[in-house]
Amino acid sequence: MSADTKNIAKLDAEAMSLESVSMWRTAWRRLFRRRSAIAGLVILGILTFIAVTAQWVAPYGYDQVLIGKEPVKARQAPCIHLLGCPKDQPQHLAGIDGNVRDQFSRLLYGARLSLVVGISTVSFAIVLGTALGAIAGYFGGWWDTIIMRVMDVLLAFPSLLLAIAIVTVLGPGLINALLAIGIVDIPIFARVMRASVLSVREMEFVSATRALGGNPFHILFRRILPNALTPLIVQGTLGIASAILSAAALSFLGLGAQPPTPEWGAMLGAERNQVFTAPHLVFYPGFMIMLTVLCFNLIGDGMRDALDPRLAHVS
């Protein structure tokens, strides 16, 4: 191959890299022009601040029992001095749970756990799903057949039921619940990555690198993957919301976080029979789950719109 051809191929690759950087900058600008995405980012920032500072902001420990320390009783209603609660009565912003613990403190610590749950499970699923989908999409043949048929089998089961089955085999616990949710989400990211790789691998800059005798893995991980991540990022952001919901559902059923871990789904499950007698014990954890899922959905929708070139005229 002539030197001119090699130089042209290198210039094409560099131009594609610069175009990718420019695309991300444009996407970020579009993202911050969408009010819904900004609202999601603000909520996420508040939740992250709460998660990081919970041990200093929370008035009590998440497992601290208040019997004998304050004149409180199990499932006591919220007491807020600014809203007319007597000054001589201890202030508990979200009330007292059935084990005489401060509900507000447990909610704050629960923010830390929920964010860790969502991000860790999706990260696990993205890493494995990306690797499997990229290999299937780039190499094709029997690699594609075997990998995608396994993914199809996993997708044939309802996600929550499959997660319950995995946790049942592994045993109840937060780590096993995270592993089950991650396994269930792998096929989603694998299919998204495979479709993206199939569209990118036929582009000219990939063909030029291949013509230069580039190593297949070099082409896949240095040329194709950086330009195939757009749909994966959007799916990953939305997947965090789904992972938080799935973890809450497993904990609600007693298969996820175990007492006294302050997980919002477990807090809901522990007090589900008190929805009429002590509704605050069900409302606040449910509201926090809803707020967290909403913020990631808003961010995911904003990123999808920002990264979709067909919506460029909207910006």
C-alpha atoms as a PDB file:
ATOM      1  CA  MET A   1       0.000   0.000   0.000  1.00  0.00           C
ATOM      2  CA  SER A   2       1.351   3.437  -0.973  1.00  0.00           C
ATOM      3  CA  ALA A   3       2.333   6.117   1.519  1.00  0.00           C
ATOM      4  CA  ASP A   4      -0.381   8.422   0.144  1.00  0.00           C
ATOM      5  CA  THR A   5      -3.079   5.850   0.867  1.00  0.00           C
ATOM      6  CA  LYS A   6      -1.815   5.399   4.415  1.00  0.00           C
ATOM      7  CA  ASN A   7      -1.780   9.138   4.995  1.00  0.00           C
ATOM      8  CA  ILE A   8      -5.335   9.472   3.686  1.00  0.00           C
ATOM      9  CA  ALA A   9      -6.495   6.694   5.996  1.00  0.00           C
ATOM     10  CA  LYS A  10      -4.830   8.339   8.988  1.00  0.00           C
ATOM     11  CA  LEU A  11      -6.351  11.699   8.117  1.00  0.00           C
ATOM     12  CA  ASP A  12      -9.787  10.083   7.840  1.00  0.00           C
ATOM     13  CA  ALA A  13      -9.386   8.522  11.279  1.00  0.00           C
ATOM     14  CA  GLU A  14      -8.238  11.838  12.792  1.00  0.00           C
ATOM     15  CA  ALA A  15     -11.115  13.688  11.175  1.00  0.00           C
ATOM     16  CA  MET A  16     -13.570  11.142  12.545  1.00  0.00           C
ATOM     17  CA  SER A  17     -12.078  11.564  16.020  1.00  0.00           C
ATOM     18  CA  LEU A  18     -12.414  15.353  15.858  1.00  0.00           C
ATOM     19  CA  GLU A  19     -15.962  15.017  14.573  1.00  0.00           C
ATOM     20  CA  SER A  20     -16.798  12.739  17.529  1.00  0.00           C
ATOM     21  CA  VAL A  21     -15.418  15.291  20.019  1.00  0.00           C
ATOM     22  CA  SER A  22     -17.402  18.066  18.345  1.00  0.00           C
ATOM     23  CA  MET A  23     -20.547  15.915  18.444  1.00  0.00           C
ATOM     24  CA  TRP A  24     -20.221  15.407  22.216  1.00  0.00           C
ATOM     25  CA  ARG A  25     -19.710  19.113  22.809  1.00  0.00           C
ATOM     26  CA  THR A  26     -22.791  19.908  20.750  1.00  0.00           C
ATOM     27  CA  ALA A  27     -24.769  17.250  22.601  1.00  0.00           C
ATOM     28  CA  TRP A  28     -23.857  18.727  25.985  1.00  0.00           C
ATOM     29  CA  ARG A  29     -24.987  22.161  24.815  1.00  0.00           C
ATOM     30  CA  ARG A  30     -28.298  20.719  23.636  1.00  0.00           C
ATOM     31  CA  LEU A  31     -28.710  18.843  26.901  1.00  0.00           C
ATOM     32  CA  PHE A  32     -28.414  21.996  28.984  1.00  0.00           C
ATOM     33  CA  ARG A  33     -31.013  23.735  26.818  1.00  0.00           C
ATOM     34  CA  ARG A  34     -33.704  21.282  27.878  1.00  0.00           C
ATOM     35  CA  ARG A  35     -35.509  22.219  31.051  1.00  0.00           C
ATOM     36  CA  SER A  36     -36.523  18.660  31.863  1.00  0.00           C
ATOM     37  CA  ALA A  37     -32.904  17.478  31.678  1.00  0.00           C
ATOM     38  CA  ILE A  38     -31.766  20.403  33.850  1.00  0.00           C
ATOM     39  CA  ALA A  39     -34.447  19.527  36.399  1.00  0.00           C
ATOM     40  CA  GLY A  40     -33.228  15.918  36.421  1.00  0.00           C
ATOM     41  CA  LEU A  41     -29.619  17.007  36.884  1.00  0.00           C
ATOM     42  CA  VAL A  42     -30.592  19.316  39.757  1.00  0.00           C
ATOM     43  CA  ILE A  43     -32.481  16.509  41.508  1.00  0.00           C
ATOM     44  CA  LEU A  44     -29.570  14.135  40.933  1.00  0.00           C
ATOM     45  CA  GLY A  45     -27.170  16.720  42.344  1.00  0.00           C
ATOM     46  CA  ILE A  46     -29.288  17.075  45.487  1.00  0.00           C
ATOM     47  CA  LEU A  47     -29.538  13.300  45.912  1.00  0.00           C
ATOM     48  CA  THR A  48     -25.785  12.930  45.421  1.00  0.00           C
ATOM     49  CA  PHE A  49     -25.118  15.622  48.019  1.00  0.00           C
ATOM     50  CA  ILE A  50     -27.452  13.854  50.451  1.00  0.00           C
ATOM     51  CA  ALA A  51     -25.778  10.510  49.780  1.00  0.00           C
ATOM     52  CA  VAL A  52     -22.283  11.902  50.346  1.00  0.00           C
ATOM     53  CA  THR A  53     -23.139  13.894  53.481  1.00  0.00           C
ATOM     54  CA  ALA A  54     -25.714  11.536  55.040  1.00  0.00           C
ATOM     55  CA  GLN A  55     -23.559  10.648  58.022  1.00  0.00           C
ATOM     56  CA  TRP A  56     -23.213  14.344  58.910  1.00  0.00           C
ATOM     57  CA  VAL A  57     -26.660  15.594  57.886  1.00  0.00           C
ATOM     58  CA  ALA A  58     -28.735  12.786  59.415  1.00  0.00           C
ATOM     59  CA  PRO A  59     -29.684  13.599  63.033  1.00  0.00           C
ATOM     60  CA  TYR A  60     -29.448   9.917  64.026  1.00  0.00           C
ATOM     61  CA  GLY A  61     -27.784   6.741  62.844  1.00  0.00           C
ATOM     62  CA  TYR A  62     -29.786   4.661  60.401  1.00  0.00           C
ATOM     63  CA  ASP A  63     -30.037   1.794  62.932  1.00  0.00           C
ATOM     64  CA  GLN A  64     -30.189   3.866  66.125  1.00  0.00           C
ATOM     65  CA  VAL A  65     -33.133   2.836  68.312  1.00  0.00           C
ATOM     66  CA  LEU A  66     -34.607   5.739  70.287  1.00  0.00           C
ATOM     67  CA  ILE A  67     -36.284   3.760  73.080  1.00  0.00           C
ATOM     68  CA  GLY A  68     -35.265   5.247  76.413  1.00  0.00           C
ATOM     69  CA  LYS A  69     -33.533   8.216  74.789  1.00  0.00           C
ATOM     70  CA  GLU A  70     -36.553  10.329  73.797  1.00  0.00           C
ATOM     71  CA  PRO A  71     -40.285  10.327  74.616  1.00  0.00           C
ATOM     72  CA  VAL A  72     -41.249   8.701  71.323  1.00  0.00           C
ATOM     73  CA  LYS A  73     -43.260   5.660  70.328  1.00  0.00           C
ATOM     74  CA  ALA A  74     -43.307   3.269  67.395  1.00  0.00           C
ATOM     75  CA  ARG A  75     -44.813   4.653  64.172  1.00  0.00           C
ATOM     76  CA  GLN A  76     -45.172   8.132  65.611  1.00  0.00           C
ATOM     77  CA  ALA A  77     -46.305  10.747  63.092  1.00  0.00           C
ATOM     78  CA  PRO A  78     -43.864  13.400  61.808  1.00  0.00           C
ATOM     79  CA  CYS A  79     -43.166  16.274  64.191  1.00  0.00           C
ATOM     80  CA  ILE A  80     -41.929  19.548  62.659  1.00  0.00           C
ATOM     81  CA  HIS A  81     -41.636  22.577  64.920  1.00  0.00           C
ATOM     82  CA  LEU A  82     -42.136  25.048  62.080  1.00  0.00           C
ATOM     83  CA  LEU A  83     -45.492  23.429  61.298  1.00  0.00           C
ATOM     84  CA  GLY A  84     -46.895  23.688  64.819  1.00  0.00           C
ATOM     85  CA  CYS A  85     -45.382  20.670  66.546  1.00  0.00           C
ATOM     86  CA  PRO A  86     -44.867  21.469  70.298  1.00  0.00           C
ATOM     87  CA  LYS A  87     -41.370  22.712  71.085  1.00  0.00           C
ATOM     88  CA  ASP A  88     -41.069  20.335  74.022  1.00  0.00           C
ATOM     89  CA  GLN A  89     -41.565  17.328  71.725  1.00  0.00           C
ATOM     90  CA  PRO A  90     -38.536  15.949  69.825  1.00  0.00           C
ATOM     91  CA  GLN A  91     -38.547  16.889  66.148  1.00  0.00           C
ATOM     92  CA  HIS A  92     -38.699  14.017  63.658  1.00  0.00           C
ATOM     93  CA  LEU A  93     -39.234  15.273  60.113  1.00  0.00           C
ATOM     94  CA  ALA A  94     -40.491  11.967  58.698  1.00  0.00           C
ATOM     95  CA  GLY A  95     -41.759  10.316  61.863  1.00  0.00           C
ATOM     96  CA  ILE A  96     -40.688   7.143  63.671  1.00  0.00           C
ATOM     97  CA  ASP A  97     -40.740   3.681  62.111  1.00  0.00           C
ATOM     98  CA  GLY A  98     -41.993   0.439  63.634  1.00  0.00           C
ATOM     99  CA  ASN A  99     -38.637  -0.250  65.308  1.00  0.00           C
ATOM    100  CA  VAL A 100     -38.550   3.225  66.918  1.00  0.00           C
ATOM    101  CA  ARG A 101     -35.898   4.630  64.565  1.00  0.00           C
ATOM    102  CA  ASP A 102     -35.847   8.063  62.964  1.00  0.00           C
ATOM    103  CA  GLN A 103     -37.371   7.690  59.511  1.00  0.00           C
ATOM    104  CA  PHE A 104     -35.743  10.841  58.123  1.00  0.00           C
ATOM    105  CA  SER A 105     -32.245   9.592  58.948  1.00  0.00           C
ATOM    106  CA  ARG A 106     -32.940   6.267  57.288  1.00  0.00           C
ATOM    107  CA  LEU A 107     -34.222   8.034  54.171  1.00  0.00           C
ATOM    108  CA  LEU A 108     -31.006  10.035  53.916  1.00  0.00           C
ATOM    109  CA  TYR A 109     -28.823   6.947  54.227  1.00  0.00           C
ATOM    110  CA  GLY A 110     -31.090   5.198  51.728  1.00  0.00           C
ATOM    111  CA  ALA A 111     -30.152   7.759  49.057  1.00  0.00           C
ATOM    112  CA  ARG A 112     -26.553   6.560  49.238  1.00  0.00           C
ATOM    113  CA  LEU A 113     -27.597   2.938  48.855  1.00  0.00           C
ATOM    114  CA  SER A 114     -30.011   3.550  45.982  1.00  0.00           C
ATOM    115  CA  LEU A 115     -27.461   5.474  43.918  1.00  0.00           C
ATOM    116  CA  VAL A 116     -24.845   2.780  44.518  1.00  0.00           C
ATOM    117  CA  VAL A 117     -27.370   0.108  43.549  1.00  0.00           C
ATOM    118  CA  GLY A 118     -28.344   1.823  40.294  1.00  0.00           C
ATOM    119  CA  ILE A 119     -24.868   2.802  39.157  1.00  0.00           C
ATOM    120  CA  SER A 120     -23.100  -0.435  40.144  1.00  0.00           C
ATOM    121  CA  THR A 121     -25.638  -2.784  38.560  1.00  0.00           C
ATOM    122  CA  VAL A 122     -25.814  -0.814  35.327  1.00  0.00           C
ATOM    123  CA  SER A 123     -22.011  -0.528  35.176  1.00  0.00           C
ATOM    124  CA  PHE A 124     -21.727  -4.304  35.563  1.00  0.00           C
ATOM    125  CA  ALA A 125     -24.346  -4.885  32.860  1.00  0.00           C
ATOM    126  CA  ILE A 126     -22.811  -2.308  30.510  1.00  0.00           C
ATOM    127  CA  VAL A 127     -19.300  -3.780  30.741  1.00  0.00           C
ATOM    128  CA  LEU A 128     -20.399  -7.344  29.996  1.00  0.00           C
ATOM    129  CA  GLY A 129     -23.175  -6.344  27.596  1.00  0.00           C
ATOM    130  CA  THR A 130     -20.860  -4.052  25.632  1.00  0.00           C
ATOM    131  CA  ALA A 131     -18.176  -6.721  25.315  1.00  0.00           C
ATOM    132  CA  LEU A 132     -20.621  -9.401  24.196  1.00  0.00           C
ATOM    133  CA  GLY A 133     -22.554  -7.121  21.831  1.00  0.00           C
ATOM    134  CA  ALA A 134     -19.375  -5.709  20.280  1.00  0.00           C
ATOM    135  CA  ILE A 135     -17.900  -9.161  19.649  1.00  0.00           C
ATOM    136  CA  ALA A 136     -21.178 -10.421  18.189  1.00  0.00           C
ATOM    137  CA  GLY A 137     -21.623  -7.383  15.940  1.00  0.00           C
ATOM    138  CA  TYR A 138     -18.052  -7.117  14.672  1.00  0.00           C
ATOM    139  CA  PHE A 139     -17.010 -10.737  14.185  1.00  0.00           C
ATOM    140  CA  GLY A 140     -20.434 -12.111  13.252  1.00  0.00           C
ATOM    141  CA  GLY A 141     -20.689 -15.772  12.246  1.00  0.00           C
ATOM    142  CA  TRP A 142     -20.966 -18.338  15.001  1.00  0.00           C
ATOM    143  CA  TRP A 143     -19.867 -15.741  17.560  1.00  0.00           C
ATOM    144  CA  ASP A 144     -22.960 -13.722  16.744  1.00  0.00           C
ATOM    145  CA  THR A 145     -25.206 -16.778  16.688  1.00  0.00           C
ATOM    146  CA  ILE A 146     -24.140 -18.186  20.056  1.00  0.00           C
ATOM    147  CA  ILE A 147     -24.018 -14.883  21.948  1.00  0.00           C
ATOM    148  CA  MET A 148     -27.298 -13.494  20.666  1.00  0.00           C
ATOM    149  CA  ARG A 149     -29.206 -16.751  21.113  1.00  0.00           C
ATOM    150  CA  VAL A 150     -28.150 -16.794  24.771  1.00  0.00           C
ATOM    151  CA  MET A 151     -29.295 -13.161  25.068  1.00  0.00           C
ATOM    152  CA  ASP A 152     -32.621 -14.085  23.442  1.00  0.00           C
ATOM    153  CA  VAL A 153     -33.148 -16.849  26.001  1.00  0.00           C
ATOM    154  CA  LEU A 154     -32.570 -14.404  28.855  1.00  0.00           C
ATOM    155  CA  LEU A 155     -34.909 -11.857  27.266  1.00  0.00           C
ATOM    156  CA  ALA A 156     -37.620 -14.491  26.953  1.00  0.00           C
ATOM    157  CA  PHE A 157     -38.179 -14.358  30.718  1.00  0.00           C
ATOM    158  CA  PRO A 158     -39.860 -11.410  32.465  1.00  0.00           C
ATOM    159  CA  SER A 159     -36.980  -9.431  33.972  1.00  0.00           C
ATOM    160  CA  LEU A 160     -38.300  -9.262  37.533  1.00  0.00           C
ATOM    161  CA  LEU A 161     -39.226 -12.946  37.614  1.00  0.00           C
ATOM    162  CA  LEU A 162     -35.790 -13.897  36.304  1.00  0.00           C
ATOM    163  CA  ALA A 163     -34.147 -11.695  38.950  1.00  0.00           C
ATOM    164  CA  ILE A 164     -36.281 -13.337  41.646  1.00  0.00           C
ATOM    165  CA  ALA A 165     -35.275 -16.778  40.393  1.00  0.00           C
ATOM    166  CA  ILE A 166     -31.559 -15.865  40.427  1.00  0.00           C
ATOM    167  CA  VAL A 167     -31.774 -14.423  43.949  1.00  0.00           C
ATOM    168  CA  THR A 168     -33.684 -17.482  45.109  1.00  0.00           C
ATOM    169  CA  VAL A 169     -30.845 -19.701  43.897  1.00  0.00           C
ATOM    170  CA  LEU A 170     -28.066 -17.472  45.265  1.00  0.00           C
ATOM    171  CA  GLY A 171     -29.853 -16.578  48.501  1.00  0.00           C
ATOM    172  CA  PRO A 172     -31.392 -13.304  49.774  1.00  0.00           C
ATOM    173  CA  GLY A 173     -29.060 -10.358  50.202  1.00  0.00           C
ATOM    174  CA  LEU A 174     -28.172  -7.023  48.647  1.00  0.00           C
ATOM    175  CA  ILE A 175     -25.082  -8.279  46.771  1.00  0.00           C
ATOM    176  CA  ASN A 176     -26.973 -11.195  45.265  1.00  0.00           C
ATOM    177  CA  ALA A 177     -29.822  -8.863  44.312  1.00  0.00           C
ATOM    178  CA  LEU A 178     -27.390  -6.522  42.551  1.00  0.00           C
ATOM    179  CA  LEU A 179     -25.822  -9.457  40.715  1.00  0.00           C
ATOM    180  CA  ALA A 180     -29.251 -10.722  39.632  1.00  0.00           C
ATOM    181  CA  ILE A 181     -30.338  -7.311  38.332  1.00  0.00           C
ATOM    182  CA  GLY A 182     -27.038  -6.911  36.472  1.00  0.00           C
ATOM    183  CA  ILE A 183     -27.393 -10.315  34.798  1.00  0.00           C
ATOM    184  CA  VAL A 184     -30.960  -9.542  33.759  1.00  0.00           C
ATOM    185  CA  ASP A 185     -29.889  -6.240  32.173  1.00  0.00           C
ATOM    186  CA  ILE A 186     -26.943  -7.653  30.189  1.00  0.00           C
ATOM    187  CA  PRO A 187     -29.025  -8.707  27.118  1.00  0.00           C
ATOM    188  CA  ILE A 188     -30.469  -5.195  26.766  1.00  0.00           C
ATOM    189  CA  PHE A 189     -27.060  -3.558  26.480  1.00  0.00           C
ATOM    190  CA  ALA A 190     -25.689  -6.386  24.346  1.00  0.00           C
ATOM    191  CA  ARG A 191     -28.423  -5.929  21.739  1.00  0.00           C
ATOM    192  CA  VAL A 192     -28.019  -2.141  21.725  1.00  0.00           C
ATOM    193  CA  MET A 193     -24.243  -2.407  21.278  1.00  0.00           C
ATOM    194  CA  ARG A 194     -24.501  -5.066  18.575  1.00  0.00           C
ATOM    195  CA  ALA A 195     -26.870  -2.903  16.515  1.00  0.00           C
ATOM    196  CA  SER A 196     -24.608   0.123  16.926  1.00  0.00           C
ATOM    197  CA  VAL A 197     -21.466  -1.814  15.975  1.00  0.00           C
ATOM    198  CA  LEU A 198     -23.159  -3.227  12.868  1.00  0.00           C
ATOM    199  CA  SER A 199     -23.856   0.302  11.641  1.00  0.00           C
ATOM    200  CA  VAL A 200     -20.393   1.707  12.448  1.00  0.00           C
ATOM    201  CA  ARG A 201     -18.210  -1.146  11.180  1.00  0.00           C
ATOM    202  CA  GLU A 202     -19.102  -0.441   7.540  1.00  0.00           C
ATOM    203  CA  MET A 203     -18.052   3.217   7.668  1.00  0.00           C
ATOM    204  CA  GLU A 204     -15.153   4.407   5.549  1.00  0.00           C
ATOM    205  CA  PHE A 205     -12.715   5.162   8.359  1.00  0.00           C
ATOM    206  CA  VAL A 206     -13.113   1.589   9.660  1.00  0.00           C
ATOM    207  CA  SER A 207     -12.552   0.158   6.181  1.00  0.00           C
ATOM    208  CA  ALA A 208      -9.458   2.336   5.817  1.00  0.00           C
ATOM    209  CA  THR A 209      -8.009   1.122   9.108  1.00  0.00           C
ATOM    210  CA  ARG A 210      -8.777  -2.465   8.124  1.00  0.00           C
ATOM    211  CA  ALA A 211      -7.064  -1.930   4.769  1.00  0.00           C
ATOM    212  CA  LEU A 212      -3.959  -0.736   6.605  1.00  0.00           C
ATOM    213  CA  GLY A 213      -3.767  -4.139   8.284  1.00  0.00           C
ATOM    214  CA  GLY A 214      -5.069  -3.022  11.678  1.00  0.00           C
ATOM    215  CA  ASN A 215      -5.551  -5.644  14.362  1.00  0.00           C
ATOM    216  CA  PRO A 216      -9.240  -6.644  14.661  1.00  0.00           C
ATOM    217  CA  PHE A 217      -9.328  -5.886  18.376  1.00  0.00           C
ATOM    218  CA  HIS A 218      -7.597  -2.548  17.777  1.00  0.00           C
ATOM    219  CA  ILE A 219     -10.196  -1.686  15.155  1.00  0.00           C
ATOM    220  CA  LEU A 220     -13.034  -2.778  17.435  1.00  0.00           C
ATOM    221  CA  PHE A 221     -11.966  -1.051  20.652  1.00  0.00           C
ATOM    222  CA  ARG A 222     -10.132   2.015  19.255  1.00  0.00           C
ATOM    223  CA  ARG A 223     -12.147   2.817  16.148  1.00  0.00           C
ATOM    224  CA  ILE A 224     -15.620   1.315  16.380  1.00  0.00           C
ATOM    225  CA  LEU A 225     -16.539   1.414  20.084  1.00  0.00           C
ATOM    226  CA  PRO A 226     -15.856   5.143  20.683  1.00  0.00           C
ATOM    227  CA  ASN A 227     -18.244   5.925  17.826  1.00  0.00           C
ATOM    228  CA  ALA A 228     -20.873   3.379  18.863  1.00  0.00           C
ATOM    229  CA  LEU A 229     -21.428   4.489  22.456  1.00  0.00           C
ATOM    230  CA  THR A 230     -24.171   7.053  21.888  1.00  0.00           C
ATOM    231  CA  PRO A 231     -27.209   4.743  22.178  1.00  0.00           C
ATOM    232  CA  LEU A 232     -25.495   2.832  24.990  1.00  0.00           C
ATOM    233  CA  ILE A 233     -25.109   5.967  27.118  1.00  0.00           C
ATOM    234  CA  VAL A 234     -28.777   6.832  26.718  1.00  0.00           C
ATOM    235  CA  GLN A 235     -29.838   3.272  27.503  1.00  0.00           C
ATOM    236  CA  GLY A 236     -27.491   3.186  30.499  1.00  0.00           C
ATOM    237  CA  THR A 237     -28.976   6.354  31.984  1.00  0.00           C
ATOM    238  CA  LEU A 238     -32.494   4.994  31.638  1.00  0.00           C
ATOM    239  CA  GLY A 239     -31.280   1.617  32.900  1.00  0.00           C
ATOM    240  CA  ILE A 240     -30.211   3.127  36.233  1.00  0.00           C
ATOM    241  CA  ALA A 241     -33.831   4.054  36.915  1.00  0.00           C
ATOM    242  CA  SER A 242     -34.965   0.515  36.074  1.00  0.00           C
ATOM    243  CA  ALA A 243     -32.245  -0.989  38.273  1.00  0.00           C
ATOM    244  CA  ILE A 244     -33.313   1.140  41.251  1.00  0.00           C
ATOM    245  CA  LEU A 245     -36.917   0.041  40.766  1.00  0.00           C
ATOM    246  CA  SER A 246     -35.911  -3.624  40.467  1.00  0.00           C
ATOM    247  CA  ALA A 247     -33.754  -3.433  43.603  1.00  0.00           C
ATOM    248  CA  ALA A 248     -36.614  -1.797  45.488  1.00  0.00           C
ATOM    249  CA  ALA A 249     -38.990  -4.528  44.298  1.00  0.00           C
ATOM    250  CA  LEU A 250     -36.639  -7.316  45.421  1.00  0.00           C
ATOM    251  CA  SER A 251     -36.116  -5.647  48.798  1.00  0.00           C
ATOM    252  CA  PHE A 252     -39.882  -5.162  49.132  1.00  0.00           C
ATOM    253  CA  LEU A 253     -40.253  -8.930  48.681  1.00  0.00           C
ATOM    254  CA  GLY A 254     -37.537  -9.601  51.269  1.00  0.00           C
ATOM    255  CA  LEU A 255     -34.999 -10.853  48.706  1.00  0.00           C
ATOM    256  CA  GLY A 256     -32.776  -7.770  48.550  1.00  0.00           C
ATOM    257  CA  ALA A 257     -31.355  -5.637  51.339  1.00  0.00           C
ATOM    258  CA  GLN A 258     -31.846  -7.209  54.749  1.00  0.00           C
ATOM    259  CA  PRO A 259     -32.635  -5.372  58.026  1.00  0.00           C
ATOM    260  CA  PRO A 260     -31.419  -2.999  59.312  1.00  0.00           C
ATOM    261  CA  THR A 261     -30.073  -1.803  55.945  1.00  0.00           C
ATOM    262  CA  PRO A 262     -31.867   1.480  55.067  1.00  0.00           C
ATOM    263  CA  GLU A 263     -33.035   0.541  51.584  1.00  0.00           C
ATOM    264  CA  TRP A 264     -36.193   2.333  50.451  1.00  0.00           C
ATOM    265  CA  GLY A 265     -37.837  -0.777  49.016  1.00  0.00           C
ATOM    266  CA  ALA A 266     -37.165  -2.707  52.219  1.00  0.00           C
ATOM    267  CA  MET A 267     -38.594   0.182  54.248  1.00  0.00           C
ATOM    268  CA  LEU A 268     -41.748   0.022  52.138  1.00  0.00           C
ATOM    269  CA  GLY A 269     -42.025  -3.723  52.565  1.00  0.00           C
ATOM    270  CA  ALA A 270     -41.560  -3.567  56.335  1.00  0.00           C
ATOM    271  CA  GLU A 271     -44.434  -1.100  56.783  1.00  0.00           C
ATOM    272  CA  ARG A 272     -46.745  -2.090  53.928  1.00  0.00           C
ATOM    273  CA  ASN A 273     -49.473  -3.162  56.348  1.00  0.00           C
ATOM    274  CA  GLN A 274     -49.487   0.286  57.976  1.00  0.00           C
ATOM    275  CA  VAL A 275     -50.574   2.209  54.892  1.00  0.00           C
ATOM    276  CA  PHE A 276     -53.743   3.419  56.624  1.00  0.00           C
ATOM    277  CA  THR A 277     -52.601   3.608  60.244  1.00  0.00           C
ATOM    278  CA  ALA A 278     -49.166   5.178  59.588  1.00  0.00           C
ATOM    279  CA  PRO A 279     -49.159   6.348  55.944  1.00  0.00           C
ATOM    280  CA  HIS A 280     -46.001   8.441  56.401  1.00  0.00           C
ATOM    281  CA  LEU A 281     -43.942   5.243  56.722  1.00  0.00           C
ATOM    282  CA  VAL A 282     -45.049   4.210  53.222  1.00  0.00           C
ATOM    283  CA  PHE A 283     -45.302   7.620  51.573  1.00  0.00           C
ATOM    284  CA  TYR A 284     -41.788   8.928  52.192  1.00  0.00           C
ATOM    285  CA  PRO A 285     -39.822   5.871  50.938  1.00  0.00           C
ATOM    286  CA  GLY A 286     -42.153   5.609  47.943  1.00  0.00           C
ATOM    287  CA  PHE A 287     -41.719   9.291  47.183  1.00  0.00           C
ATOM    288  CA  MET A 288     -37.918   8.992  47.323  1.00  0.00           C
ATOM    289  CA  ILE A 289     -37.979   6.029  44.920  1.00  0.00           C
ATOM    290  CA  MET A 290     -40.257   7.961  42.573  1.00  0.00           C
ATOM    291  CA  LEU A 291     -38.071  11.077  42.738  1.00  0.00           C
ATOM    292  CA  THR A 292     -34.858   9.159  42.021  1.00  0.00           C
ATOM    293  CA  VAL A 293     -36.353   7.226  39.109  1.00  0.00           C
ATOM    294  CA  LEU A 294     -37.875  10.435  37.735  1.00  0.00           C
ATOM    295  CA  CYS A 295     -34.546  12.281  37.750  1.00  0.00           C
ATOM    296  CA  PHE A 296     -32.768   9.535  35.794  1.00  0.00           C
ATOM    297  CA  ASN A 297     -35.657   9.295  33.326  1.00  0.00           C
ATOM    298  CA  LEU A 298     -35.534  13.044  32.743  1.00  0.00           C
ATOM    299  CA  ILE A 299     -31.760  12.926  32.215  1.00  0.00           C
ATOM    300  CA  GLY A 300     -32.068   9.911  29.923  1.00  0.00           C
ATOM    301  CA  ASP A 301     -34.759  11.560  27.798  1.00  0.00           C
ATOM    302  CA  GLY A 302     -32.691  14.730  27.590  1.00  0.00           C
ATOM    303  CA  MET A 303     -29.582  12.824  26.525  1.00  0.00           C
ATOM    304  CA  ARG A 304     -31.545  10.896  23.924  1.00  0.00           C
ATOM    305  CA  ASP A 305     -32.827  14.128  22.393  1.00  0.00           C
ATOM    306  CA  ALA A 306     -29.408  15.804  22.597  1.00  0.00           C
ATOM    307  CA  LEU A 307     -27.575  12.905  20.949  1.00  0.00           C
ATOM    308  CA  ASP A 308     -30.144  12.345  18.193  1.00  0.00           C
ATOM    309  CA  PRO A 309     -28.923  14.267  15.124  1.00  0.00           C
ATOM    310  CA  ARG A 310     -32.461  14.305  13.698  1.00  0.00           C
ATOM    311  CA  LEU A 311     -33.418  16.671  16.531  1.00  0.00           C
ATOM    312  CA  ALA A 312     -30.610  19.143  15.827  1.00  0.00           C
ATOM    313  CA  HIS A 313     -33.057  21.657  14.327  1.00  0.00           C
ATOM    314  CA  VAL A 314     -34.913  21.823  17.635  1.00  0.00           C
ATOM    315  CA  SER A 315     -31.909  23.259  19.507  1.00  0.00           C
END
